[in-house]
């Protein structure tokens, strides 16, 4: 029996001389590979979509490292704001800083108007609590930066027992 292969789009069939038509092994391979390529492509596209959502969907606040902030402590273009509790601020704080606790920042934002032309470095104990006030300040037209590491990472001057 002689077999002749004919290509019909993505299907390859065998035209046998006895008049019957059967799917060839090549047709089955191409069909499987085509489906596999589609699955791989779909997997990559969905992964790219997810990564895009992560990058575009997350708000990332402006940050500053402690080592850089230490050099800005006495720079008149910068203002340091403590968002911990008043008790934490009294025990240990960066010199010449005011304290507006995180839960009061929305209500007391007007108090910071005099610093609107400055860059505000917002700090807390570890850098987690200060992320939200930094975002709130930036949304209200301030130029605020979250101090990474907060007081735990601060190696500069401190005041105690104010």
N, C-alpha and C. Protein backbone atom coordinates (compact mmCIF):
# COMPACT_ATOMS: atom_id res chain seq x y z
N UNK A 1 0.83 -1.16 0.00
CA UNK A 1 0.00 0.00 0.00
C UNK A 1 0.89 1.24 0.00
N UNK A 2 0.74 2.11 -0.99
CA UNK A 2 1.46 3.38 -1.07
C UNK A 2 0.66 4.48 -0.39
N UNK A 3 1.38 5.33 0.37
CA UNK A 3 0.73 6.42 1.08
C UNK A 3 1.33 7.74 0.62
N UNK A 4 0.47 8.70 0.33
CA UNK A 4 0.90 10.01 -0.08
C UNK A 4 0.42 11.01 0.98
N UNK A 5 1.31 11.91 1.45
CA UNK A 5 0.96 12.91 2.47
C UNK A 5 0.53 14.20 1.80
N UNK A 6 -0.60 14.71 2.22
CA UNK A 6 -1.09 15.99 1.74
C UNK A 6 -1.25 16.91 2.94
N UNK A 7 -0.83 18.16 2.79
CA UNK A 7 -0.97 19.11 3.90
C UNK A 7 -2.24 19.91 3.68
N UNK A 8 -3.12 19.86 4.67
CA UNK A 8 -4.34 20.65 4.65
C UNK A 8 -4.35 21.49 5.92
N UNK A 9 -4.06 22.74 5.80
CA UNK A 9 -3.89 23.68 6.91
C UNK A 9 -3.04 23.02 7.98
N UNK A 10 -3.59 22.78 9.19
CA UNK A 10 -2.76 22.17 10.22
C UNK A 10 -3.01 20.67 10.30
N UNK A 11 -3.88 20.15 9.44
CA UNK A 11 -4.18 18.72 9.45
C UNK A 11 -3.43 18.03 8.32
N UNK A 12 -2.74 16.99 8.62
CA UNK A 12 -2.08 16.20 7.60
C UNK A 12 -2.78 14.84 7.59
N UNK A 13 -3.34 14.52 6.46
CA UNK A 13 -4.04 13.23 6.36
C UNK A 13 -3.34 12.35 5.37
N UNK A 14 -3.62 11.10 5.46
CA UNK A 14 -3.07 10.13 4.52
C UNK A 14 -4.14 9.82 3.50
N UNK A 15 -3.80 9.97 2.26
CA UNK A 15 -4.67 9.51 1.20
C UNK A 15 -4.15 8.15 0.78
N UNK A 16 -4.85 7.17 1.15
CA UNK A 16 -4.42 5.82 0.79
C UNK A 16 -5.04 5.46 -0.55
N UNK A 17 -4.37 4.59 -1.29
CA UNK A 17 -4.86 4.23 -2.62
C UNK A 17 -6.11 3.37 -2.56
N UNK A 18 -6.44 2.93 -1.35
CA UNK A 18 -7.68 2.18 -1.25
C UNK A 18 -8.88 3.11 -1.05
N UNK A 19 -8.60 4.46 -1.07
CA UNK A 19 -9.67 5.44 -0.98
C UNK A 19 -9.96 5.95 0.43
N UNK A 20 -9.40 5.32 1.45
CA UNK A 20 -9.68 5.76 2.82
C UNK A 20 -8.76 6.92 3.21
N UNK A 21 -9.21 7.69 4.16
CA UNK A 21 -8.39 8.79 4.67
C UNK A 21 -8.20 8.56 6.17
N UNK A 22 -6.97 8.62 6.63
CA UNK A 22 -6.66 8.47 8.05
C UNK A 22 -5.75 9.61 8.48
N UNK A 23 -5.91 10.03 9.74
CA UNK A 23 -5.00 11.06 10.27
C UNK A 23 -3.63 10.43 10.44
N UNK A 24 -2.63 11.14 9.96
CA UNK A 24 -1.28 10.61 10.09
C UNK A 24 -0.71 10.91 11.46
N UNK A 25 0.35 10.26 11.78
CA UNK A 25 1.07 10.52 13.03
C UNK A 25 1.57 11.95 13.05
N UNK A 26 1.92 12.48 11.87
CA UNK A 26 2.39 13.86 11.79
C UNK A 26 1.29 14.84 12.19
N UNK A 27 0.08 14.54 11.74
CA UNK A 27 -1.05 15.39 12.09
C UNK A 27 -1.27 15.41 13.59
N UNK A 28 -1.16 14.25 14.20
CA UNK A 28 -1.34 14.17 15.65
C UNK A 28 -0.22 14.91 16.38
N UNK A 29 1.01 14.80 15.90
CA UNK A 29 2.14 15.50 16.52
C UNK A 29 1.97 17.00 16.39
N UNK A 30 1.64 17.49 15.17
CA UNK A 30 1.47 18.92 14.96
C UNK A 30 0.31 19.46 15.81
N UNK A 31 -0.74 18.69 15.91
CA UNK A 31 -1.89 19.10 16.71
C UNK A 31 -1.48 19.23 18.18
N UNK A 32 -0.75 18.25 18.72
CA UNK A 32 -0.31 18.29 20.11
C UNK A 32 0.65 19.45 20.36
N UNK A 33 1.62 19.61 19.45
CA UNK A 33 2.60 20.70 19.59
C UNK A 33 1.89 22.04 19.54
N UNK A 34 0.94 22.19 18.63
CA UNK A 34 0.19 23.43 18.52
C UNK A 34 -0.55 23.75 19.81
N UNK A 35 -1.18 22.74 20.39
CA UNK A 35 -1.88 22.96 21.65
C UNK A 35 -0.90 23.28 22.76
N UNK A 36 0.25 22.61 22.79
CA UNK A 36 1.25 22.85 23.82
C UNK A 36 1.80 24.27 23.71
N UNK A 37 2.07 24.72 22.48
CA UNK A 37 2.57 26.07 22.27
C UNK A 37 1.53 27.07 22.75
N UNK A 38 0.26 26.81 22.45
CA UNK A 38 -0.80 27.70 22.91
C UNK A 38 -0.85 27.75 24.44
N UNK A 39 -0.69 26.61 25.09
CA UNK A 39 -0.71 26.57 26.55
C UNK A 39 0.48 27.32 27.15
N UNK A 40 1.65 27.13 26.55
CA UNK A 40 2.85 27.82 27.02
C UNK A 40 2.68 29.32 26.83
N UNK A 41 2.20 29.72 25.67
CA UNK A 41 1.99 31.14 25.38
C UNK A 41 0.97 31.72 26.36
N UNK A 42 -0.11 30.99 26.60
CA UNK A 42 -1.14 31.45 27.54
C UNK A 42 -0.55 31.58 28.94
N UNK A 43 0.29 30.65 29.33
CA UNK A 43 0.92 30.70 30.64
C UNK A 43 1.79 31.95 30.77
N UNK A 44 2.61 32.24 29.75
CA UNK A 44 3.47 33.42 29.78
C UNK A 44 2.66 34.72 29.77
N UNK A 45 1.62 34.76 28.97
CA UNK A 45 0.80 35.97 28.91
C UNK A 45 0.09 36.22 30.24
N UNK A 46 -0.41 35.17 30.87
CA UNK A 46 -1.08 35.36 32.16
C UNK A 46 -0.07 35.79 33.22
N UNK A 47 1.15 35.25 33.16
CA UNK A 47 2.18 35.65 34.10
C UNK A 47 2.54 37.13 33.90
N UNK A 48 2.69 37.55 32.66
CA UNK A 48 2.98 38.96 32.37
C UNK A 48 1.85 39.86 32.85
N UNK A 49 0.63 39.43 32.66
CA UNK A 49 -0.53 40.19 33.13
C UNK A 49 -0.49 40.35 34.64
N UNK A 50 -0.20 39.27 35.36
CA UNK A 50 -0.13 39.30 36.83
C UNK A 50 0.99 40.25 37.29
N UNK A 51 2.16 40.14 36.69
CA UNK A 51 3.28 41.01 37.05
C UNK A 51 2.91 42.47 36.79
N UNK A 52 2.25 42.73 35.68
CA UNK A 52 1.81 44.09 35.38
C UNK A 52 0.85 44.62 36.43
N UNK A 53 -0.08 43.78 36.86
CA UNK A 53 -1.01 44.21 37.92
C UNK A 53 -0.29 44.52 39.21
N UNK A 54 0.70 43.71 39.54
CA UNK A 54 1.46 43.94 40.77
C UNK A 54 2.17 45.28 40.71
N UNK A 55 2.86 45.54 39.60
CA UNK A 55 3.62 46.78 39.49
C UNK A 55 2.74 48.01 39.37
N UNK A 56 1.67 47.91 38.60
CA UNK A 56 0.83 49.09 38.39
C UNK A 56 -0.23 49.24 39.47
N UNK A 57 -0.58 48.16 40.14
CA UNK A 57 -1.65 48.20 41.13
C UNK A 57 -1.19 48.60 42.52
N UNK A 58 0.06 48.40 42.82
CA UNK A 58 0.55 48.68 44.16
C UNK A 58 1.04 50.12 44.25
N UNK A 59 0.67 50.75 45.33
CA UNK A 59 1.21 52.07 45.58
C UNK A 59 2.54 51.88 46.29
N UNK A 60 3.52 52.51 45.81
CA UNK A 60 4.81 52.44 46.48
C UNK A 60 5.17 53.84 46.93
N UNK A 61 5.33 53.99 48.23
CA UNK A 61 5.64 55.32 48.73
C UNK A 61 7.12 55.62 48.51
N UNK A 62 7.43 56.90 48.49
CA UNK A 62 8.81 57.34 48.36
C UNK A 62 9.57 56.95 49.63
N UNK A 63 10.79 56.51 49.47
CA UNK A 63 11.57 56.04 50.62
C UNK A 63 12.93 56.71 50.65
N UNK A 64 13.52 56.66 51.83
CA UNK A 64 14.88 57.16 52.00
C UNK A 64 15.57 56.27 53.03
N UNK A 65 16.83 55.99 52.78
CA UNK A 65 17.61 55.15 53.70
C UNK A 65 18.18 56.00 54.83
N UNK A 66 18.36 55.37 55.96
CA UNK A 66 18.85 56.04 57.16
C UNK A 66 20.20 56.74 56.92
N UNK A 67 21.10 56.06 56.20
CA UNK A 67 22.43 56.63 55.96
C UNK A 67 22.35 57.96 55.22
N UNK A 68 21.43 58.07 54.28
CA UNK A 68 21.26 59.32 53.54
C UNK A 68 20.55 60.37 54.39
N UNK A 69 19.56 59.91 55.14
CA UNK A 69 18.77 60.85 55.96
C UNK A 69 19.61 61.49 57.06
N UNK A 70 20.57 60.76 57.60
CA UNK A 70 21.44 61.30 58.66
C UNK A 70 22.12 62.59 58.18
N UNK A 71 22.56 62.59 56.93
CA UNK A 71 23.23 63.76 56.36
C UNK A 71 22.29 64.92 56.10
N UNK A 72 20.98 64.68 56.16
CA UNK A 72 20.00 65.73 55.87
C UNK A 72 19.37 66.32 57.14
N UNK A 73 19.78 65.82 58.29
CA UNK A 73 19.17 66.23 59.56
C UNK A 73 19.24 67.75 59.78
N UNK A 74 20.35 68.36 59.44
CA UNK A 74 20.52 69.80 59.67
C UNK A 74 20.36 70.62 58.38
N UNK A 75 19.83 70.00 57.35
CA UNK A 75 19.57 70.66 56.08
C UNK A 75 18.19 71.34 56.17
N UNK A 76 18.14 72.64 55.94
CA UNK A 76 16.89 73.40 56.07
C UNK A 76 15.82 73.04 55.04
N UNK A 77 16.19 72.30 54.01
CA UNK A 77 15.22 71.90 53.00
C UNK A 77 14.43 70.65 53.43
N UNK A 78 14.81 70.07 54.56
CA UNK A 78 14.17 68.83 55.03
C UNK A 78 13.58 69.03 56.42
N UNK A 79 12.50 68.31 56.66
CA UNK A 79 11.85 68.32 57.97
C UNK A 79 11.56 66.87 58.36
N UNK A 80 11.89 66.50 59.58
CA UNK A 80 11.67 65.14 60.08
C UNK A 80 10.39 65.12 60.92
N UNK A 81 9.54 64.14 60.66
CA UNK A 81 8.27 64.01 61.38
C UNK A 81 8.16 62.61 61.98
N UNK A 82 7.94 62.57 63.28
CA UNK A 82 7.77 61.32 64.02
C UNK A 82 6.28 60.97 64.04
N UNK A 83 5.91 59.76 63.63
CA UNK A 83 4.50 59.35 63.63
C UNK A 83 4.24 58.23 64.65
N UNK A 84 5.16 58.05 65.58
CA UNK A 84 4.94 57.08 66.66
C UNK A 84 4.04 57.71 67.72
N UNK A 85 3.83 57.01 68.79
CA UNK A 85 3.03 57.58 69.89
C UNK A 85 3.85 58.65 70.61
N UNK A 86 3.15 59.52 71.33
CA UNK A 86 3.85 60.56 72.10
C UNK A 86 4.80 59.93 73.12
N UNK A 87 4.39 58.84 73.72
CA UNK A 87 5.23 58.16 74.71
C UNK A 87 6.54 57.67 74.07
N UNK A 88 6.46 57.06 72.88
CA UNK A 88 7.67 56.60 72.18
C UNK A 88 8.56 57.79 71.83
N UNK A 89 7.93 58.89 71.41
CA UNK A 89 8.68 60.08 71.02
C UNK A 89 9.47 60.65 72.21
N UNK A 90 8.86 60.66 73.39
CA UNK A 90 9.52 61.19 74.59
C UNK A 90 10.71 60.32 74.99
N UNK A 91 10.56 59.02 74.87
CA UNK A 91 11.64 58.10 75.27
C UNK A 91 12.87 58.26 74.38
N UNK A 92 12.66 58.35 73.07
CA UNK A 92 13.80 58.42 72.14
C UNK A 92 13.31 58.98 70.81
N UNK A 93 13.97 60.02 70.30
CA UNK A 93 13.55 60.61 69.03
C UNK A 93 14.73 61.27 68.32
N UNK A 94 14.52 61.60 67.07
CA UNK A 94 15.49 62.36 66.30
C UNK A 94 15.35 63.82 66.75
N UNK A 95 16.46 64.52 66.98
CA UNK A 95 16.40 65.90 67.50
C UNK A 95 15.55 66.84 66.65
N UNK A 96 14.91 67.77 67.33
CA UNK A 96 14.12 68.84 66.70
C UNK A 96 13.00 68.33 65.81
N UNK A 97 12.35 67.26 66.25
CA UNK A 97 11.22 66.73 65.47
C UNK A 97 9.95 66.80 66.29
N UNK A 98 8.85 67.02 65.57
CA UNK A 98 7.53 67.00 66.20
C UNK A 98 6.97 65.60 66.08
N UNK A 99 5.94 65.34 66.87
CA UNK A 99 5.28 64.04 66.84
C UNK A 99 3.80 64.22 66.53
N UNK A 100 3.36 63.60 65.45
CA UNK A 100 1.94 63.50 65.14
C UNK A 100 1.68 62.01 64.94
N UNK A 101 1.07 61.36 65.92
CA UNK A 101 0.84 59.91 65.81
C UNK A 101 0.08 59.53 64.54
N UNK A 102 0.40 58.38 64.03
CA UNK A 102 -0.12 57.89 62.76
C UNK A 102 -1.64 58.01 62.67
N UNK A 103 -2.35 57.68 63.74
CA UNK A 103 -3.81 57.71 63.70
C UNK A 103 -4.38 59.13 63.72
N UNK A 104 -3.54 60.13 63.94
CA UNK A 104 -3.99 61.53 63.97
C UNK A 104 -3.57 62.33 62.74
N UNK A 105 -2.82 61.73 61.85
CA UNK A 105 -2.21 62.47 60.73
C UNK A 105 -3.27 63.14 59.85
N UNK A 106 -4.38 62.45 59.55
CA UNK A 106 -5.43 63.04 58.70
C UNK A 106 -6.02 64.28 59.35
N UNK A 107 -6.31 64.20 60.64
CA UNK A 107 -6.95 65.31 61.35
C UNK A 107 -6.00 66.48 61.54
N UNK A 108 -4.71 66.20 61.67
CA UNK A 108 -3.75 67.26 62.02
C UNK A 108 -2.86 67.69 60.85
N UNK A 109 -3.23 67.33 59.65
CA UNK A 109 -2.39 67.62 58.48
C UNK A 109 -2.19 69.13 58.28
N UNK A 110 -3.15 69.93 58.70
CA UNK A 110 -3.04 71.40 58.57
C UNK A 110 -1.85 71.95 59.35
N UNK A 111 -1.47 71.27 60.42
CA UNK A 111 -0.33 71.71 61.23
C UNK A 111 0.98 71.66 60.45
N UNK A 112 0.99 70.90 59.40
CA UNK A 112 2.21 70.73 58.61
C UNK A 112 2.30 71.68 57.42
N UNK A 113 1.30 72.53 57.23
CA UNK A 113 1.31 73.46 56.09
C UNK A 113 2.59 74.29 56.02
N UNK A 114 3.12 74.66 57.19
CA UNK A 114 4.34 75.48 57.20
C UNK A 114 5.55 74.72 56.64
N UNK A 115 5.43 73.41 56.49
CA UNK A 115 6.53 72.59 55.97
C UNK A 115 6.26 72.10 54.54
N UNK A 116 5.23 72.62 53.92
CA UNK A 116 4.84 72.14 52.58
C UNK A 116 5.92 72.37 51.53
N UNK A 117 6.74 73.39 51.71
CA UNK A 117 7.80 73.66 50.75
C UNK A 117 9.05 72.79 51.01
N UNK A 118 9.04 72.08 52.12
CA UNK A 118 10.19 71.23 52.47
C UNK A 118 9.92 69.78 52.11
N UNK A 119 10.97 69.02 52.09
CA UNK A 119 10.85 67.56 51.94
C UNK A 119 10.72 67.00 53.34
N UNK A 120 9.66 66.23 53.56
CA UNK A 120 9.37 65.69 54.89
C UNK A 120 9.82 64.23 54.97
N UNK A 121 10.67 63.95 55.94
CA UNK A 121 11.11 62.58 56.19
C UNK A 121 10.30 62.05 57.37
N UNK A 122 9.45 61.06 57.09
CA UNK A 122 8.52 60.51 58.07
C UNK A 122 9.14 59.26 58.67
N UNK A 123 9.13 59.19 60.01
CA UNK A 123 9.71 58.02 60.65
C UNK A 123 8.85 57.47 61.78
N UNK A 124 9.06 56.20 62.06
CA UNK A 124 8.41 55.50 63.18
C UNK A 124 9.46 54.59 63.81
N UNK A 125 9.06 53.52 64.43
CA UNK A 125 10.02 52.63 65.08
C UNK A 125 10.80 51.81 64.05
N UNK A 126 10.08 51.23 63.07
CA UNK A 126 10.74 50.32 62.13
C UNK A 126 10.59 50.68 60.66
N UNK A 127 9.74 51.63 60.34
CA UNK A 127 9.51 52.01 58.94
C UNK A 127 8.20 51.49 58.39
N UNK A 128 7.47 50.69 59.17
CA UNK A 128 6.19 50.16 58.70
C UNK A 128 5.04 51.14 58.93
N UNK A 129 4.90 51.63 60.13
CA UNK A 129 3.81 52.56 60.45
C UNK A 129 3.91 53.85 59.65
N UNK A 130 5.10 54.27 59.35
CA UNK A 130 5.29 55.56 58.66
C UNK A 130 4.96 55.51 57.17
N UNK A 131 4.75 54.32 56.64
CA UNK A 131 4.42 54.19 55.21
C UNK A 131 3.08 54.87 54.89
N UNK A 132 2.07 54.63 55.71
CA UNK A 132 0.74 55.21 55.46
C UNK A 132 0.75 56.74 55.57
N UNK A 133 1.31 57.33 56.64
CA UNK A 133 1.36 58.80 56.68
C UNK A 133 2.15 59.40 55.51
N UNK A 134 3.18 58.71 55.06
CA UNK A 134 3.95 59.19 53.90
C UNK A 134 3.04 59.27 52.68
N UNK A 135 2.24 58.23 52.46
CA UNK A 135 1.31 58.22 51.32
C UNK A 135 0.26 59.32 51.47
N UNK A 136 -0.27 59.49 52.68
CA UNK A 136 -1.28 60.52 52.93
C UNK A 136 -0.71 61.90 52.64
N UNK A 137 0.49 62.16 53.11
CA UNK A 137 1.12 63.46 52.86
C UNK A 137 1.34 63.69 51.37
N UNK A 138 1.85 62.69 50.67
CA UNK A 138 2.09 62.82 49.23
C UNK A 138 0.78 63.04 48.47
N UNK A 139 -0.29 62.37 48.88
CA UNK A 139 -1.60 62.55 48.23
C UNK A 139 -2.15 63.96 48.46
N UNK A 140 -1.68 64.61 49.51
CA UNK A 140 -2.14 65.97 49.84
C UNK A 140 -1.16 67.05 49.40
N UNK A 141 -0.27 66.71 48.49
CA UNK A 141 0.61 67.71 47.90
C UNK A 141 1.93 67.95 48.60
N UNK A 142 2.23 67.17 49.62
CA UNK A 142 3.52 67.29 50.30
C UNK A 142 4.54 66.42 49.58
N UNK A 143 5.80 66.67 49.88
CA UNK A 143 6.88 65.87 49.31
C UNK A 143 7.49 65.05 50.45
N UNK A 144 6.91 63.88 50.71
CA UNK A 144 7.27 63.08 51.88
C UNK A 144 7.99 61.80 51.50
N UNK A 145 8.88 61.37 52.41
CA UNK A 145 9.67 60.15 52.22
C UNK A 145 9.60 59.31 53.49
N UNK A 146 9.43 58.02 53.32
CA UNK A 146 9.40 57.09 54.44
C UNK A 146 10.83 56.67 54.80
N UNK A 147 11.19 56.85 56.07
CA UNK A 147 12.53 56.47 56.53
C UNK A 147 12.59 54.95 56.73
N UNK A 148 13.32 54.27 55.87
CA UNK A 148 13.45 52.82 55.97
C UNK A 148 14.19 52.46 57.25
N UNK A 149 13.62 51.52 58.00
CA UNK A 149 14.26 51.08 59.24
C UNK A 149 13.86 51.89 60.45
N UNK A 150 13.28 53.08 60.23
CA UNK A 150 12.83 53.93 61.33
C UNK A 150 13.89 54.17 62.39
N UNK A 151 13.45 54.30 63.63
CA UNK A 151 14.37 54.53 64.75
C UNK A 151 15.28 53.32 64.98
N UNK A 152 14.79 52.13 64.66
CA UNK A 152 15.64 50.94 64.82
C UNK A 152 16.89 51.01 63.96
N UNK A 153 16.78 51.61 62.79
CA UNK A 153 17.93 51.69 61.88
C UNK A 153 18.67 53.01 61.95
N UNK A 154 18.20 53.94 62.76
CA UNK A 154 18.79 55.28 62.84
C UNK A 154 20.10 55.23 63.62
N UNK A 155 21.19 55.70 62.99
CA UNK A 155 22.52 55.72 63.63
C UNK A 155 23.00 57.15 63.89
N UNK A 156 22.09 58.10 63.68
CA UNK A 156 22.46 59.50 63.87
C UNK A 156 22.14 59.98 65.29
N UNK A 157 22.13 61.31 65.43
CA UNK A 157 21.86 61.93 66.73
C UNK A 157 20.46 61.54 67.23
N UNK A 158 20.32 61.43 68.55
CA UNK A 158 19.02 61.18 69.15
C UNK A 158 18.84 62.03 70.41
N UNK A 159 17.58 62.23 70.77
CA UNK A 159 17.23 62.88 72.04
C UNK A 159 16.51 61.85 72.88
N UNK A 160 16.76 61.88 74.16
CA UNK A 160 16.04 60.96 75.06
C UNK A 160 15.42 61.74 76.21
N UNK A 161 14.28 61.26 76.67
CA UNK A 161 13.63 61.85 77.84
C UNK A 161 13.18 63.27 77.68
N UNK A 162 12.70 63.68 76.51
CA UNK A 162 12.24 65.05 76.26
C UNK A 162 11.13 65.45 77.19
